[in-house]
């Protein structure tokens, strides 16, 4: 995940690029697809009596599940980072009396929480 930092009022605030917000969701879908393809190979191997194909299908399913788990964990971590960055931004906005910065911080906190929830 790429983070961009900016220096503001003595505090470093990190923001996640909008185009990368759904990165873990795409990886999650990739894992699901891999599991389905593995299941198809496993069944085809069973039907044709090809143990090698059946075993490759089982391994592909395990790989797909692993990708799903990793993507979910990465999404939760990224969501927590965004939530914390929003809290810092909100705090800095309060300290420098910037209502716009406080609002932006609250929005980032909410987006971070939503991203964590989406990866449960």
Protein backbone atom coordinates (compact mmCIF):
# COMPACT_ATOMS: atom_id res chain seq x y z
CA UNK A 1 0.00 0.00 0.00
CA UNK A 2 1.35 3.40 -0.91
CA UNK A 3 1.08 6.11 1.71
CA UNK A 4 1.59 9.77 1.08
CA UNK A 5 2.75 12.03 3.88
CA UNK A 6 2.40 15.74 4.29
CA UNK A 7 3.81 17.94 7.03
CA UNK A 8 1.19 20.05 8.75
CA UNK A 9 1.52 22.06 11.95
CA UNK A 10 4.37 19.91 13.26
CA UNK A 11 2.49 16.59 12.82
CA UNK A 12 2.89 14.01 10.07
CA UNK A 13 -0.45 12.91 8.67
CA UNK A 14 -0.64 9.91 6.36
CA UNK A 15 -3.42 9.51 3.85
CA UNK A 16 -4.27 6.53 1.68
CA UNK A 17 -4.63 7.18 -2.03
CA UNK A 18 -8.31 6.84 -3.04
CA UNK A 19 -7.49 4.50 -5.92
CA UNK A 20 -6.02 2.01 -3.47
CA UNK A 21 -8.93 1.90 -1.03
CA UNK A 22 -10.38 -1.21 -2.63
CA UNK A 23 -7.09 -2.98 -3.30
CA UNK A 24 -7.69 -5.63 -0.66
CA UNK A 25 -11.24 -6.19 -1.92
CA UNK A 26 -9.86 -6.93 -5.39
CA UNK A 27 -7.35 -9.38 -3.90
CA UNK A 28 -10.19 -10.94 -1.92
CA UNK A 29 -12.13 -11.52 -5.16
CA UNK A 30 -8.99 -12.94 -6.74
CA UNK A 31 -8.80 -15.47 -3.91
CA UNK A 32 -12.46 -16.44 -4.34
CA UNK A 33 -11.93 -16.94 -8.07
CA UNK A 34 -8.89 -19.09 -7.42
CA UNK A 35 -10.89 -21.25 -4.99
CA UNK A 36 -13.66 -21.76 -7.55
CA UNK A 37 -11.18 -22.66 -10.28
CA UNK A 38 -9.54 -25.11 -7.90
CA UNK A 39 -12.86 -26.74 -7.09
CA UNK A 40 -13.61 -27.15 -10.80
CA UNK A 41 -10.23 -28.86 -11.30
CA UNK A 42 -10.78 -31.08 -8.27
CA UNK A 43 -14.19 -32.23 -9.51
CA UNK A 44 -12.89 -32.72 -13.05
CA UNK A 45 -10.05 -34.81 -11.65
CA UNK A 46 -12.48 -36.95 -9.63
CA UNK A 47 -14.79 -37.45 -12.62
CA UNK A 48 -11.98 -38.41 -14.98
CA UNK A 49 -9.98 -40.35 -12.40
CA UNK A 50 -7.02 -37.99 -12.79
CA UNK A 51 -5.55 -37.83 -9.26
CA UNK A 52 -2.95 -35.27 -10.33
CA UNK A 53 -5.62 -32.84 -11.57
CA UNK A 54 -7.69 -33.49 -8.45
CA UNK A 55 -4.72 -32.71 -6.19
CA UNK A 56 -3.80 -29.58 -8.16
CA UNK A 57 -7.37 -28.41 -7.70
CA UNK A 58 -7.17 -28.95 -3.95
CA UNK A 59 -3.91 -27.00 -3.78
CA UNK A 60 -5.40 -24.18 -5.84
CA UNK A 61 -8.31 -23.98 -3.40
CA UNK A 62 -5.86 -23.65 -0.49
CA UNK A 63 -3.99 -20.92 -2.36
CA UNK A 64 -7.26 -19.07 -2.98
CA UNK A 65 -8.28 -19.28 0.68
CA UNK A 66 -4.86 -17.99 1.72
CA UNK A 67 -5.22 -15.00 -0.63
CA UNK A 68 -8.64 -14.23 0.87
CA UNK A 69 -7.31 -14.32 4.43
CA UNK A 70 -4.28 -12.17 3.61
CA UNK A 71 -6.42 -9.62 1.75
CA UNK A 72 -8.83 -9.39 4.67
CA UNK A 73 -6.00 -8.82 7.14
CA UNK A 74 -4.39 -6.20 4.89
CA UNK A 75 -7.73 -4.42 4.54
CA UNK A 76 -8.23 -4.32 8.30
CA UNK A 77 -4.72 -2.94 8.88
CA UNK A 78 -5.15 -0.31 6.19
CA UNK A 79 -8.52 0.64 7.64
CA UNK A 80 -7.06 1.04 11.12
CA UNK A 81 -4.23 3.18 9.72
CA UNK A 82 -6.73 5.41 7.95
CA UNK A 83 -8.86 5.68 11.09
CA UNK A 84 -5.85 6.68 13.20
CA UNK A 85 -4.66 9.17 10.58
CA UNK A 86 -8.13 10.70 10.66
CA UNK A 87 -7.98 11.02 14.44
CA UNK A 88 -4.63 12.79 14.20
CA UNK A 89 -5.94 15.06 11.46
CA UNK A 90 -9.02 15.86 13.51
CA UNK A 91 -6.85 16.62 16.55
CA UNK A 92 -4.54 18.90 14.58
CA UNK A 93 -7.57 20.65 13.10
CA UNK A 94 -8.92 21.22 16.59
CA UNK A 95 -5.53 22.51 17.80
CA UNK A 96 -5.15 24.99 14.94
CA UNK A 97 -8.86 25.85 14.94
CA UNK A 98 -9.52 24.55 11.43
CA UNK A 99 -13.06 23.29 11.05
CA UNK A 100 -12.36 22.00 7.53
CA UNK A 101 -9.45 19.90 8.79
CA UNK A 102 -11.56 18.52 11.64
CA UNK A 103 -14.30 17.52 9.19
CA UNK A 104 -11.78 15.89 6.91
CA UNK A 105 -10.33 14.00 9.87
CA UNK A 106 -13.77 12.78 10.94
CA UNK A 107 -14.45 11.63 7.37
CA UNK A 108 -11.16 9.69 7.26
CA UNK A 109 -11.95 8.09 10.63
CA UNK A 110 -15.34 6.94 9.33
CA UNK A 111 -13.83 5.61 6.10
CA UNK A 112 -11.20 3.71 8.07
CA UNK A 113 -13.81 2.14 10.34
CA UNK A 114 -15.94 1.19 7.34
CA UNK A 115 -12.95 -0.43 5.67
CA UNK A 116 -12.22 -2.47 8.78
CA UNK A 117 -15.85 -3.59 8.94
CA UNK A 118 -15.81 -4.54 5.26
CA UNK A 119 -12.90 -6.89 5.95
CA UNK A 120 -14.46 -8.77 8.88
